[in-house]
Amino acid sequence: MVEIKKKKSHVGDDVSSAGFESVEQAPEGDLFPEAFAEGEEIWIRMQEEDGEISLEGDKKYEEGHPKRHVTYGYHLVRGKMAHKMEDFVVAKKRNVGGKQLGLYAIFDGHAGRDTAKFLQHNLFNNILNQPDFWEDPEAAVKRAYKEIDEEILDKVVGSRGGSTAVTAILINQEKLIVANVGDSRGILCRNQEVEQITVDHEPETEIEAVEERGGFVSQRPGNIPRVDGVLAMSRSFGDGRLKEHISSEPDVRIEAVGADTKFLILASDGLWRVMSNEEACECVSNIDDAQAAAEELVKEALQRRSGDDISCVVVMFHN
């Protein structure tokens, strides 16, 4: 195992956002929460902040509210594939127009990491800058996703390379605006139920839409269905050579956060391939610390022999 250099962080910082670079000498499947960019250290400059903020590993943050408080944590691990870490996470808070926002996301890149990295740094800003975000959030989110996808295709990647996305905007700890493209998933765990609040955009469930665009869905023996025999999802950012046959339009859902809401889990398919929604909620149902919950989910996915990159964000609602 390589020696990893880290910079000190402050739990009181308002911004927590991590994209993980792989460390070539690190053993596959090893848990290493430290955040990397060019070199061994990461410094992230956020547009809404002055100066630079350093991160040390995965952290838990708290947001106050007269009725409840919210904590969140995140954790990532590189998979066993022969490529750099392609998952990126956003977990931060922001105050906009007197409203307290929690911004959470998972971006799971494929055939490269540039698209996921670009989404991490730009998607939320685009959403919040839409002029009708507060009046018509669903239309604003869909337009922002479309604009960012066009920018990615024009400036970031060529014919290959793309990413999923699942984004959640928590407004005043009372309302969630959740959107997704691809197979990264979000679930809400309440006292008596588990609810998936995103849609898995899989080729076999959207065959008609793919074929209407001139594409096809095929499946080789022992493999999974793929658009044009290539892509294992029917919606994504990027993927220029398949763009005529796939979509970047998100499914958007608006949810009230009631007193019975316990926590929100966002994760890449590295977790969902080996755990059901109910198993994920059960895994962390007795954990009161959001960071510990995120770490436990990744640990459980590894024990179940997930070989993909795994990333997750856990948001806990404490009444």
C-alpha atoms as a PDB file:
ATOM      1  CA  MET A   1       0.000   0.000   0.000  1.00  0.00           C
ATOM      2  CA  VAL A   2       1.358   3.423  -0.894  1.00  0.00           C
ATOM      3  CA  GLU A   3       1.818   6.141   1.661  1.00  0.00           C
ATOM      4  CA  ILE A   4      -0.836   8.784   1.173  1.00  0.00           C
ATOM      5  CA  LYS A   5      -0.362  12.452   1.911  1.00  0.00           C
ATOM      6  CA  LYS A   6      -3.343  14.327   3.272  1.00  0.00           C
ATOM      7  CA  LYS A   7      -4.247  17.901   4.051  1.00  0.00           C
ATOM      8  CA  LYS A   8      -6.144  18.836   7.183  1.00  0.00           C
ATOM      9  CA  SER A   9      -9.813  19.684   6.850  1.00  0.00           C
ATOM     10  CA  HIS A  10     -12.326  21.453   9.039  1.00  0.00           C
ATOM     11  CA  VAL A  11     -15.683  19.917   9.787  1.00  0.00           C
ATOM     12  CA  GLY A  12     -17.155  23.409   9.855  1.00  0.00           C
ATOM     13  CA  ASP A  13     -16.330  24.064   6.198  1.00  0.00           C
ATOM     14  CA  ASP A  14     -19.373  24.645   4.047  1.00  0.00           C
ATOM     15  CA  VAL A  15     -18.189  22.622   1.074  1.00  0.00           C
ATOM     16  CA  SER A  16     -17.450  18.937   0.718  1.00  0.00           C
ATOM     17  CA  SER A  17     -16.952  17.593  -2.788  1.00  0.00           C
ATOM     18  CA  ALA A  18     -14.696  14.745  -3.800  1.00  0.00           C
ATOM     19  CA  GLY A  19     -13.562  13.130  -7.010  1.00  0.00           C
ATOM     20  CA  PHE A  20     -11.231  10.207  -6.536  1.00  0.00           C
ATOM     21  CA  GLU A  21      -8.251   9.475  -8.698  1.00  0.00           C
ATOM     22  CA  SER A  22      -6.909   5.968  -8.590  1.00  0.00           C
ATOM     23  CA  VAL A  23      -3.577   5.250  -6.960  1.00  0.00           C
ATOM     24  CA  GLU A  24      -1.922   2.763  -9.261  1.00  0.00           C
ATOM     25  CA  GLN A  25      -0.046   0.928  -6.500  1.00  0.00           C
ATOM     26  CA  ALA A  26      -3.114   0.589  -4.261  1.00  0.00           C
ATOM     27  CA  PRO A  27      -4.499  -2.938  -4.137  1.00  0.00           C
ATOM     28  CA  GLU A  28      -7.780  -3.460  -5.979  1.00  0.00           C
ATOM     29  CA  GLY A  29     -10.846  -3.281  -3.777  1.00  0.00           C
ATOM     30  CA  ASP A  30      -8.929  -1.541  -1.004  1.00  0.00           C
ATOM     31  CA  LEU A  31     -10.798   1.112   0.916  1.00  0.00           C
ATOM     32  CA  PHE A  32      -9.023   4.424   0.574  1.00  0.00           C
ATOM     33  CA  PRO A  33     -11.228   7.421   1.406  1.00  0.00           C
ATOM     34  CA  GLU A  34      -8.613  10.053   0.682  1.00  0.00           C
ATOM     35  CA  ALA A  35      -9.479  12.387  -2.181  1.00  0.00           C
ATOM     36  CA  PHE A  36      -7.037  12.724  -5.055  1.00  0.00           C
ATOM     37  CA  ALA A  37      -6.621  15.038  -8.016  1.00  0.00           C
ATOM     38  CA  GLU A  38      -3.474  15.694 -10.018  1.00  0.00           C
ATOM     39  CA  GLY A  39      -0.787  14.166  -7.815  1.00  0.00           C
ATOM     40  CA  GLU A  40      -1.560  12.834  -4.365  1.00  0.00           C
ATOM     41  CA  GLU A  41      -3.433  15.804  -2.926  1.00  0.00           C
ATOM     42  CA  ILE A  42      -6.656  17.487  -3.927  1.00  0.00           C
ATOM     43  CA  TRP A  43      -7.562  21.124  -3.585  1.00  0.00           C
ATOM     44  CA  ILE A  44     -11.021  22.082  -4.728  1.00  0.00           C
ATOM     45  CA  ARG A  45     -11.938  25.660  -5.505  1.00  0.00           C
ATOM     46  CA  MET A  46     -15.688  26.152  -5.467  1.00  0.00           C
ATOM     47  CA  GLN A  47     -17.228  29.101  -7.294  1.00  0.00           C
ATOM     48  CA  GLU A  48     -19.318  30.156  -4.347  1.00  0.00           C
ATOM     49  CA  GLU A  49     -16.409  30.201  -1.897  1.00  0.00           C
ATOM     50  CA  ASP A  50     -13.411  32.461  -1.500  1.00  0.00           C
ATOM     51  CA  GLY A  51     -10.067  30.723  -1.147  1.00  0.00           C
ATOM     52  CA  GLU A  52      -9.324  27.028  -1.192  1.00  0.00           C
ATOM     53  CA  ILE A  53     -10.617  24.184   0.916  1.00  0.00           C
ATOM     54  CA  SER A  54      -8.794  20.949   1.585  1.00  0.00           C
ATOM     55  CA  LEU A  55     -10.378  17.639   2.436  1.00  0.00           C
ATOM     56  CA  GLU A  56      -9.142  14.790   4.558  1.00  0.00           C
ATOM     57  CA  GLY A  57     -10.879  11.590   3.657  1.00  0.00           C
ATOM     58  CA  ASP A  58     -14.628  11.231   4.032  1.00  0.00           C
ATOM     59  CA  LYS A  59     -16.363  13.536   6.452  1.00  0.00           C
ATOM     60  CA  LYS A  60     -19.682  13.996   8.201  1.00  0.00           C
ATOM     61  CA  TYR A  61     -21.382  17.392   8.144  1.00  0.00           C
ATOM     62  CA  GLU A  62     -24.403  18.777   9.935  1.00  0.00           C
ATOM     63  CA  GLU A  63     -27.088  21.255   8.942  1.00  0.00           C
ATOM     64  CA  GLY A  64     -29.303  22.895  11.530  1.00  0.00           C
ATOM     65  CA  HIS A  65     -33.092  23.324  11.375  1.00  0.00           C
ATOM     66  CA  PRO A  66     -35.655  24.307  14.016  1.00  0.00           C
ATOM     67  CA  LYS A  67     -37.521  21.013  13.559  1.00  0.00           C
ATOM     68  CA  ARG A  68     -34.698  18.663  12.605  1.00  0.00           C
ATOM     69  CA  HIS A  69     -31.048  18.548  11.751  1.00  0.00           C
ATOM     70  CA  VAL A  70     -29.437  16.825   8.808  1.00  0.00           C
ATOM     71  CA  THR A  71     -26.115  15.018   8.645  1.00  0.00           C
ATOM     72  CA  TYR A  72     -24.440  13.551   5.604  1.00  0.00           C
ATOM     73  CA  GLY A  73     -21.453  11.403   4.763  1.00  0.00           C
ATOM     74  CA  TYR A  74     -19.945   9.802   1.677  1.00  0.00           C
ATOM     75  CA  HIS A  75     -17.537   7.034   0.806  1.00  0.00           C
ATOM     76  CA  LEU A  76     -15.914   5.721  -2.376  1.00  0.00           C
ATOM     77  CA  VAL A  77     -13.733   2.793  -3.342  1.00  0.00           C
ATOM     78  CA  ARG A  78     -12.030   1.916  -6.599  1.00  0.00           C
ATOM     79  CA  GLY A  79     -13.162  -1.334  -8.173  1.00  0.00           C
ATOM     80  CA  LYS A  80     -11.193  -4.160  -9.722  1.00  0.00           C
ATOM     81  CA  MET A  81     -11.420  -2.876 -13.299  1.00  0.00           C
ATOM     82  CA  ALA A  82      -8.189  -1.945 -15.051  1.00  0.00           C
ATOM     83  CA  HIS A  83      -8.875   1.795 -15.137  1.00  0.00           C
ATOM     84  CA  LYS A  84      -8.688   4.828 -12.904  1.00  0.00           C
ATOM     85  CA  MET A  85     -11.453   5.634 -10.461  1.00  0.00           C
ATOM     86  CA  GLU A  86     -14.400   6.942 -12.510  1.00  0.00           C
ATOM     87  CA  ASP A  87     -16.928   7.736  -9.751  1.00  0.00           C
ATOM     88  CA  PHE A  88     -17.320  11.303  -8.516  1.00  0.00           C
ATOM     89  CA  VAL A  89     -19.353  12.622  -5.597  1.00  0.00           C
ATOM     90  CA  VAL A  90     -20.827  15.952  -4.529  1.00  0.00           C
ATOM     91  CA  ALA A  91     -21.944  16.504  -0.921  1.00  0.00           C
ATOM     92  CA  LYS A  92     -22.153  20.106   0.197  1.00  0.00           C
ATOM     93  CA  LYS A  93     -24.466  22.814   1.475  1.00  0.00           C
ATOM     94  CA  ARG A  94     -25.180  26.235   0.064  1.00  0.00           C
ATOM     95  CA  ASN A  95     -27.330  29.197   1.032  1.00  0.00           C
ATOM     96  CA  VAL A  96     -29.203  30.731  -1.901  1.00  0.00           C
ATOM     97  CA  GLY A  97     -31.629  33.605  -1.467  1.00  0.00           C
ATOM     98  CA  GLY A  98     -32.123  32.824   2.199  1.00  0.00           C
ATOM     99  CA  LYS A  99     -32.876  29.171   1.491  1.00  0.00           C
ATOM    100  CA  GLN A 100     -30.610  26.490   2.893  1.00  0.00           C
ATOM    101  CA  LEU A 101     -29.749  23.889   0.282  1.00  0.00           C
ATOM    102  CA  GLY A 102     -28.119  20.504   0.531  1.00  0.00           C
ATOM    103  CA  LEU A 103     -26.564  19.370  -2.759  1.00  0.00           C
ATOM    104  CA  TYR A 104     -25.788  15.671  -3.179  1.00  0.00           C
ATOM    105  CA  ALA A 105     -24.840  13.665  -6.247  1.00  0.00           C
ATOM    106  CA  ILE A 106     -23.199  10.570  -7.667  1.00  0.00           C
ATOM    107  CA  PHE A 107     -21.615  10.608 -11.132  1.00  0.00           C
ATOM    108  CA  ASP A 108     -20.501   7.210 -12.418  1.00  0.00           C
ATOM    109  CA  GLY A 109     -18.274   7.588 -15.458  1.00  0.00           C
ATOM    110  CA  HIS A 110     -17.604   4.983 -18.137  1.00  0.00           C
ATOM    111  CA  ALA A 111     -15.008   4.760 -20.917  1.00  0.00           C
ATOM    112  CA  GLY A 112     -13.141   7.570 -19.169  1.00  0.00           C
ATOM    113  CA  ARG A 113     -13.639   9.950 -16.269  1.00  0.00           C
ATOM    114  CA  ASP A 114     -13.789  13.361 -17.938  1.00  0.00           C
ATOM    115  CA  THR A 115     -17.585  13.508 -18.217  1.00  0.00           C
ATOM    116  CA  ALA A 116     -18.171  12.596 -14.568  1.00  0.00           C
ATOM    117  CA  LYS A 117     -15.563  15.097 -13.414  1.00  0.00           C
ATOM    118  CA  PHE A 118     -17.133  17.858 -15.526  1.00  0.00           C
ATOM    119  CA  LEU A 119     -20.563  17.083 -14.083  1.00  0.00           C
ATOM    120  CA  GLN A 120     -19.204  17.262 -10.558  1.00  0.00           C
ATOM    121  CA  HIS A 121     -17.952  20.792 -11.090  1.00  0.00           C
ATOM    122  CA  ASN A 122     -20.743  22.193 -13.267  1.00  0.00           C
ATOM    123  CA  LEU A 123     -24.132  20.493 -13.097  1.00  0.00           C
ATOM    124  CA  PHE A 124     -25.457  21.982  -9.852  1.00  0.00           C
ATOM    125  CA  ASN A 125     -24.399  25.492 -10.815  1.00  0.00           C
ATOM    126  CA  ASN A 126     -26.280  25.108 -14.093  1.00  0.00           C
ATOM    127  CA  ILE A 127     -29.407  23.849 -12.339  1.00  0.00           C
ATOM    128  CA  LEU A 128     -29.477  26.646  -9.760  1.00  0.00           C
ATOM    129  CA  ASN A 129     -28.810  29.292 -12.416  1.00  0.00           C
ATOM    130  CA  GLN A 130     -31.926  28.352 -14.375  1.00  0.00           C
ATOM    131  CA  PRO A 131     -34.269  31.377 -14.156  1.00  0.00           C
ATOM    132  CA  ASP A 132     -37.350  29.265 -13.384  1.00  0.00           C
ATOM    133  CA  PHE A 133     -35.760  26.884 -10.875  1.00  0.00           C
ATOM    134  CA  TRP A 134     -37.875  28.037  -7.933  1.00  0.00           C
ATOM    135  CA  GLU A 135     -41.134  28.264  -9.907  1.00  0.00           C
ATOM    136  CA  ASP A 136     -40.804  25.124 -12.038  1.00  0.00           C
ATOM    137  CA  PRO A 137     -37.943  22.985 -10.737  1.00  0.00           C
ATOM    138  CA  GLU A 138     -38.749  19.969 -12.908  1.00  0.00           C
ATOM    139  CA  ALA A 139     -38.503  21.942 -16.149  1.00  0.00           C
ATOM    140  CA  ALA A 140     -35.395  23.743 -14.894  1.00  0.00           C
ATOM    141  CA  VAL A 141     -33.594  20.519 -13.995  1.00  0.00           C
ATOM    142  CA  LYS A 142     -34.429  18.908 -17.339  1.00  0.00           C
ATOM    143  CA  ARG A 143     -33.188  21.978 -19.219  1.00  0.00           C
ATOM    144  CA  ALA A 144     -29.990  22.109 -17.164  1.00  0.00           C
ATOM    145  CA  TYR A 145     -29.259  18.432 -17.856  1.00  0.00           C
ATOM    146  CA  LYS A 146     -29.780  19.021 -21.590  1.00  0.00           C
ATOM    147  CA  GLU A 147     -27.544  22.105 -21.664  1.00  0.00           C
ATOM    148  CA  ILE A 148     -24.744  20.366 -19.769  1.00  0.00           C
ATOM    149  CA  ASP A 149     -24.932  17.324 -22.047  1.00  0.00           C
ATOM    150  CA  GLU A 150     -24.600  19.557 -25.109  1.00  0.00           C
ATOM    151  CA  GLU A 151     -21.591  21.268 -23.547  1.00  0.00           C
ATOM    152  CA  ILE A 152     -19.999  17.906 -22.727  1.00  0.00           C
ATOM    153  CA  LEU A 153     -20.418  16.683 -26.296  1.00  0.00           C
ATOM    154  CA  ASP A 154     -19.036  19.948 -27.663  1.00  0.00           C
ATOM    155  CA  LYS A 155     -16.099  20.549 -25.302  1.00  0.00           C
ATOM    156  CA  VAL A 156     -15.342  17.585 -23.048  1.00  0.00           C
ATOM    157  CA  VAL A 157     -15.548  14.244 -24.850  1.00  0.00           C
ATOM    158  CA  GLY A 158     -15.741  13.052 -28.408  1.00  0.00           C
ATOM    159  CA  SER A 159     -17.442   9.898 -29.579  1.00  0.00           C
ATOM    160  CA  ARG A 160     -16.561   7.851 -26.468  1.00  0.00           C
ATOM    161  CA  GLY A 161     -16.931   8.451 -22.776  1.00  0.00           C
ATOM    162  CA  GLY A 162     -19.959   9.243 -20.663  1.00  0.00           C
ATOM    163  CA  SER A 163     -21.501   9.205 -17.216  1.00  0.00           C
ATOM    164  CA  THR A 164     -24.610   8.532 -15.212  1.00  0.00           C
ATOM    165  CA  ALA A 165     -25.962  11.056 -12.737  1.00  0.00           C
ATOM    166  CA  VAL A 166     -28.207  11.059  -9.715  1.00  0.00           C
ATOM    167  CA  THR A 167     -28.662  14.471  -8.099  1.00  0.00           C
ATOM    168  CA  ALA A 168     -30.619  15.520  -5.033  1.00  0.00           C
ATOM    169  CA  ILE A 169     -31.337  19.076  -3.893  1.00  0.00           C
ATOM    170  CA  LEU A 170     -32.627  19.372  -0.343  1.00  0.00           C
ATOM    171  CA  ILE A 171     -34.428  22.670   0.293  1.00  0.00           C
ATOM    172  CA  ASN A 172     -34.710  23.885   3.897  1.00  0.00           C
ATOM    173  CA  GLN A 173     -34.561  20.267   5.079  1.00  0.00           C
ATOM    174  CA  GLU A 174     -38.195  19.927   3.936  1.00  0.00           C
ATOM    175  CA  LYS A 175     -38.275  19.182   0.194  1.00  0.00           C
ATOM    176  CA  LEU A 176     -36.170  17.005  -2.091  1.00  0.00           C
ATOM    177  CA  ILE A 177     -35.751  17.481  -5.827  1.00  0.00           C
ATOM    178  CA  VAL A 178     -34.211  14.290  -7.201  1.00  0.00           C
ATOM    179  CA  ALA A 179     -33.206  13.595 -10.795  1.00  0.00           C
ATOM    180  CA  ASN A 180     -31.278  10.846 -12.544  1.00  0.00           C
ATOM    181  CA  VAL A 181     -29.886   9.639 -15.833  1.00  0.00           C
ATOM    182  CA  GLY A 182     -28.610   6.079 -16.147  1.00  0.00           C
ATOM    183  CA  ASP A 183     -28.412   3.426 -13.441  1.00  0.00           C
ATOM    184  CA  SER A 184     -27.155   5.384 -10.431  1.00  0.00           C
ATOM    185  CA  ARG A 185     -29.998   5.207  -7.938  1.00  0.00           C
ATOM    186  CA  GLY A 186     -31.569   7.060  -5.040  1.00  0.00           C
ATOM    187  CA  ILE A 187     -33.795   5.616  -2.323  1.00  0.00           C
ATOM    188  CA  LEU A 188     -35.644   7.070   0.661  1.00  0.00           C
ATOM    189  CA  CYS A 189     -35.903   5.055   3.836  1.00  0.00           C
ATOM    190  CA  ARG A 190     -38.858   5.905   6.028  1.00  0.00           C
ATOM    191  CA  ASN A 191     -40.020   4.343   9.282  1.00  0.00           C
ATOM    192  CA  GLN A 192     -42.222   1.745   7.643  1.00  0.00           C
ATOM    193  CA  GLU A 193     -41.135   1.633   3.997  1.00  0.00           C
ATOM    194  CA  VAL A 194     -38.324   1.826   1.473  1.00  0.00           C
ATOM    195  CA  GLU A 195     -39.009   3.813  -1.676  1.00  0.00           C
ATOM    196  CA  GLN A 196     -36.925   4.070  -4.826  1.00  0.00           C
ATOM    197  CA  ILE A 197     -37.196   7.668  -6.004  1.00  0.00           C
ATOM    198  CA  THR A 198     -35.209   7.337  -9.229  1.00  0.00           C
ATOM    199  CA  VAL A 199     -35.636   5.248 -12.388  1.00  0.00           C
ATOM    200  CA  ASP A 200     -33.055   2.723 -13.595  1.00  0.00           C
ATOM    201  CA  HIS A 201     -32.633   3.528 -17.280  1.00  0.00           C
ATOM    202  CA  GLU A 202     -31.844   0.056 -18.570  1.00  0.00           C
ATOM    203  CA  PRO A 203     -31.863  -0.891 -22.266  1.00  0.00           C
ATOM    204  CA  GLU A 204     -34.406  -3.690 -21.880  1.00  0.00           C
ATOM    205  CA  THR A 205     -36.954  -1.352 -20.255  1.00  0.00           C
ATOM    206  CA  GLU A 206     -36.596   1.330 -22.947  1.00  0.00           C
ATOM    207  CA  ILE A 207     -36.271  -0.820 -26.077  1.00  0.00           C
ATOM    208  CA  GLU A 208     -39.119   0.983 -27.808  1.00  0.00           C
ATOM    209  CA  ALA A 209     -37.557   4.421 -27.283  1.00  0.00           C
ATOM    210  CA  VAL A 210     -34.143   3.208 -28.473  1.00  0.00           C
ATOM    211  CA  GLU A 211     -35.628   1.628 -31.596  1.00  0.00           C
ATOM    212  CA  GLU A 212     -37.679   4.747 -32.369  1.00  0.00           C
ATOM    213  CA  ARG A 213     -34.397   6.660 -32.472  1.00  0.00           C
ATOM    214  CA  GLY A 214     -32.897   4.164 -34.915  1.00  0.00           C
ATOM    215  CA  GLY A 215     -30.920   2.054 -32.457  1.00  0.00           C
ATOM    216  CA  PHE A 216     -31.248  -1.495 -31.192  1.00  0.00           C
ATOM    217  CA  VAL A 217     -30.820  -3.465 -27.980  1.00  0.00           C
ATOM    218  CA  SER A 218     -28.881  -6.734 -28.018  1.00  0.00           C
ATOM    219  CA  GLN A 219     -27.624  -9.197 -25.460  1.00  0.00           C
ATOM    220  CA  ARG A 220     -24.738 -11.614 -25.855  1.00  0.00           C
ATOM    221  CA  PRO A 221     -24.761 -14.912 -23.949  1.00  0.00           C
ATOM    222  CA  GLY A 222     -23.619 -14.360 -20.387  1.00  0.00           C
ATOM    223  CA  ASN A 223     -23.786 -10.578 -20.747  1.00  0.00           C
ATOM    224  CA  ILE A 224     -26.373  -7.866 -20.092  1.00  0.00           C
ATOM    225  CA  PRO A 225     -28.562  -6.003 -22.618  1.00  0.00           C
ATOM    226  CA  ARG A 226     -26.774  -3.105 -24.315  1.00  0.00           C
ATOM    227  CA  VAL A 227     -27.783  -0.272 -26.633  1.00  0.00           C
ATOM    228  CA  ASP A 228     -26.263  -0.938 -30.062  1.00  0.00           C
ATOM    229  CA  GLY A 229     -24.397  -3.791 -28.404  1.00  0.00           C
ATOM    230  CA  VAL A 230     -22.247  -1.279 -26.488  1.00  0.00           C
ATOM    231  CA  LEU A 231     -23.872   0.735 -23.684  1.00  0.00           C
ATOM    232  CA  ALA A 232     -25.455  -0.923 -20.645  1.00  0.00           C
ATOM    233  CA  MET A 233     -27.920   1.939 -20.112  1.00  0.00           C
ATOM    234  CA  SER A 234     -30.416   3.788 -22.258  1.00  0.00           C
ATOM    235  CA  ARG A 235     -29.728   7.291 -20.918  1.00  0.00           C
ATOM    236  CA  SER A 236     -26.432   8.973 -20.118  1.00  0.00           C
ATOM    237  CA  PHE A 237     -24.359  12.116 -20.454  1.00  0.00           C
ATOM    238  CA  GLY A 238     -21.830  12.116 -23.291  1.00  0.00           C
ATOM    239  CA  ASP A 239     -21.456   8.940 -25.386  1.00  0.00           C
ATOM    240  CA  GLY A 240     -21.410  10.920 -28.607  1.00  0.00           C
ATOM    241  CA  ARG A 241     -21.369   7.980 -30.999  1.00  0.00           C
ATOM    242  CA  LEU A 242     -24.597   6.668 -29.469  1.00  0.00           C
ATOM    243  CA  LYS A 243     -26.319   9.990 -28.830  1.00  0.00           C
ATOM    244  CA  GLU A 244     -28.842   9.589 -31.633  1.00  0.00           C
ATOM    245  CA  HIS A 245     -30.089   6.408 -29.974  1.00  0.00           C
ATOM    246  CA  ILE A 246     -29.994   7.369 -26.282  1.00  0.00           C
ATOM    247  CA  SER A 247     -31.177  10.296 -24.173  1.00  0.00           C
ATOM    248  CA  SER A 248     -29.843  12.549 -21.440  1.00  0.00           C
ATOM    249  CA  GLU A 249     -33.309  13.576 -20.271  1.00  0.00           C
ATOM    250  CA  PRO A 250     -33.639  12.873 -16.541  1.00  0.00           C
ATOM    251  CA  ASP A 251     -36.535  11.523 -14.595  1.00  0.00           C
ATOM    252  CA  VAL A 252     -37.327  14.165 -11.978  1.00  0.00           C
ATOM    253  CA  ARG A 253     -39.186  13.623  -8.738  1.00  0.00           C
ATOM    254  CA  ILE A 254     -40.125  16.033  -5.957  1.00  0.00           C
ATOM    255  CA  GLU A 255     -40.562  14.561  -2.484  1.00  0.00           C
ATOM    256  CA  ALA A 256     -41.625  16.048   0.843  1.00  0.00           C
ATOM    257  CA  VAL A 257     -39.362  15.171   3.752  1.00  0.00           C
ATOM    258  CA  GLY A 258     -41.732  14.184   6.531  1.00  0.00           C
ATOM    259  CA  ALA A 259     -41.176  13.320  10.156  1.00  0.00           C
ATOM    260  CA  ASP A 260     -41.033   9.650   9.189  1.00  0.00           C
ATOM    261  CA  THR A 261     -38.139  10.151   6.749  1.00  0.00           C
ATOM    262  CA  LYS A 262     -34.999   8.548   8.182  1.00  0.00           C
ATOM    263  CA  PHE A 263     -32.399   8.779   5.441  1.00  0.00           C
ATOM    264  CA  LEU A 264     -31.610   9.176   1.753  1.00  0.00           C
ATOM    265  CA  ILE A 265     -29.114   6.919  -0.003  1.00  0.00           C
ATOM    266  CA  LEU A 266     -27.553   7.776  -3.377  1.00  0.00           C
ATOM    267  CA  ALA A 267     -25.189   5.223  -4.882  1.00  0.00           C
ATOM    268  CA  SER A 268     -23.616   3.992  -8.096  1.00  0.00           C
ATOM    269  CA  ASP A 269     -24.455   0.616  -9.580  1.00  0.00           C
ATOM    270  CA  GLY A 270     -21.364  -0.861  -7.955  1.00  0.00           C
ATOM    271  CA  LEU A 271     -23.536  -1.043  -4.845  1.00  0.00           C
ATOM    272  CA  TRP A 272     -26.934  -1.753  -6.426  1.00  0.00           C
ATOM    273  CA  ARG A 273     -25.665  -4.732  -8.412  1.00  0.00           C
ATOM    274  CA  VAL A 274     -25.153  -6.646  -5.170  1.00  0.00           C
ATOM    275  CA  MET A 275     -27.745  -5.111  -2.813  1.00  0.00           C
ATOM    276  CA  SER A 276     -31.474  -4.546  -3.068  1.00  0.00           C
ATOM    277  CA  ASN A 277     -33.093  -1.325  -1.880  1.00  0.00           C
ATOM    278  CA  GLU A 278     -34.397  -3.092   1.191  1.00  0.00           C
ATOM    279  CA  GLU A 279     -31.017  -4.646   1.974  1.00  0.00           C
ATOM    280  CA  ALA A 280     -29.309  -1.254   1.744  1.00  0.00           C
ATOM    281  CA  CYS A 281     -31.759   0.323   4.180  1.00  0.00           C
ATOM    282  CA  GLU A 282     -31.554  -2.626   6.533  1.00  0.00           C
ATOM    283  CA  CYS A 283     -27.759  -2.477   6.431  1.00  0.00           C
ATOM    284  CA  VAL A 284     -27.689   0.982   8.004  1.00  0.00           C
ATOM    285  CA  SER A 285     -31.030   1.120   9.823  1.00  0.00           C
ATOM    286  CA  ASN A 286     -29.398   0.963  13.253  1.00  0.00           C
ATOM    287  CA  ILE A 287     -26.562   3.395  12.506  1.00  0.00           C
ATOM    288  CA  ASP A 288     -27.020   6.989  13.690  1.00  0.00           C
ATOM    289  CA  ASP A 289     -23.896   8.423  12.040  1.00  0.00           C
ATOM    290  CA  ALA A 290     -24.161   9.280   8.331  1.00  0.00           C
ATOM    291  CA  GLN A 291     -20.462   8.799   7.632  1.00  0.00           C
ATOM    292  CA  ALA A 292     -20.417   5.439   9.388  1.00  0.00           C
ATOM    293  CA  ALA A 293     -23.475   4.430   7.373  1.00  0.00           C
ATOM    294  CA  ALA A 294     -21.814   5.313   4.058  1.00  0.00           C
ATOM    295  CA  GLU A 295     -18.724   3.335   5.010  1.00  0.00           C
ATOM    296  CA  GLU A 296     -20.816   0.350   6.102  1.00  0.00           C
ATOM    297  CA  LEU A 297     -22.658   0.247   2.785  1.00  0.00           C
ATOM    298  CA  VAL A 298     -19.414   0.192   0.810  1.00  0.00           C
ATOM    299  CA  LYS A 299     -17.972  -2.454   3.125  1.00  0.00           C
ATOM    300  CA  GLU A 300     -21.042  -4.650   2.671  1.00  0.00           C
ATOM    301  CA  ALA A 301     -20.928  -4.279  -1.124  1.00  0.00           C
ATOM    302  CA  LEU A 302     -17.282  -5.363  -1.118  1.00  0.00           C
ATOM    303  CA  GLN A 303     -18.099  -8.366   1.051  1.00  0.00           C
ATOM    304  CA  ARG A 304     -20.703  -9.296  -1.543  1.00  0.00           C
ATOM    305  CA  ARG A 305     -17.924  -9.260  -4.139  1.00  0.00           C
ATOM    306  CA  SER A 306     -18.831  -6.129  -6.077  1.00  0.00           C
ATOM    307  CA  GLY A 307     -15.982  -5.575  -8.527  1.00  0.00           C
ATOM    308  CA  ASP A 308     -17.047  -2.174  -9.869  1.00  0.00           C
ATOM    309  CA  ASP A 309     -16.228   1.284  -8.527  1.00  0.00           C
ATOM    310  CA  ILE A 310     -18.537   1.939  -5.573  1.00  0.00           C
ATOM    311  CA  SER A 311     -19.658   5.333  -4.340  1.00  0.00           C
ATOM    312  CA  CYS A 312     -22.468   6.373  -2.040  1.00  0.00           C
ATOM    313  CA  VAL A 313     -23.858   9.361  -0.175  1.00  0.00           C
ATOM    314  CA  VAL A 314     -26.002   8.966   2.934  1.00  0.00           C
ATOM    315  CA  VAL A 315     -28.155  11.867   4.188  1.00  0.00           C
ATOM    316  CA  MET A 316     -29.724  11.364   7.621  1.00  0.00           C
ATOM    317  CA  PHE A 317     -32.711  13.287   8.987  1.00  0.00           C
ATOM    318  CA  HIS A 318     -32.684  13.604  12.771  1.00  0.00           C
ATOM    319  CA  ASN A 319     -35.968  14.788  14.324  1.00  0.00           C
END
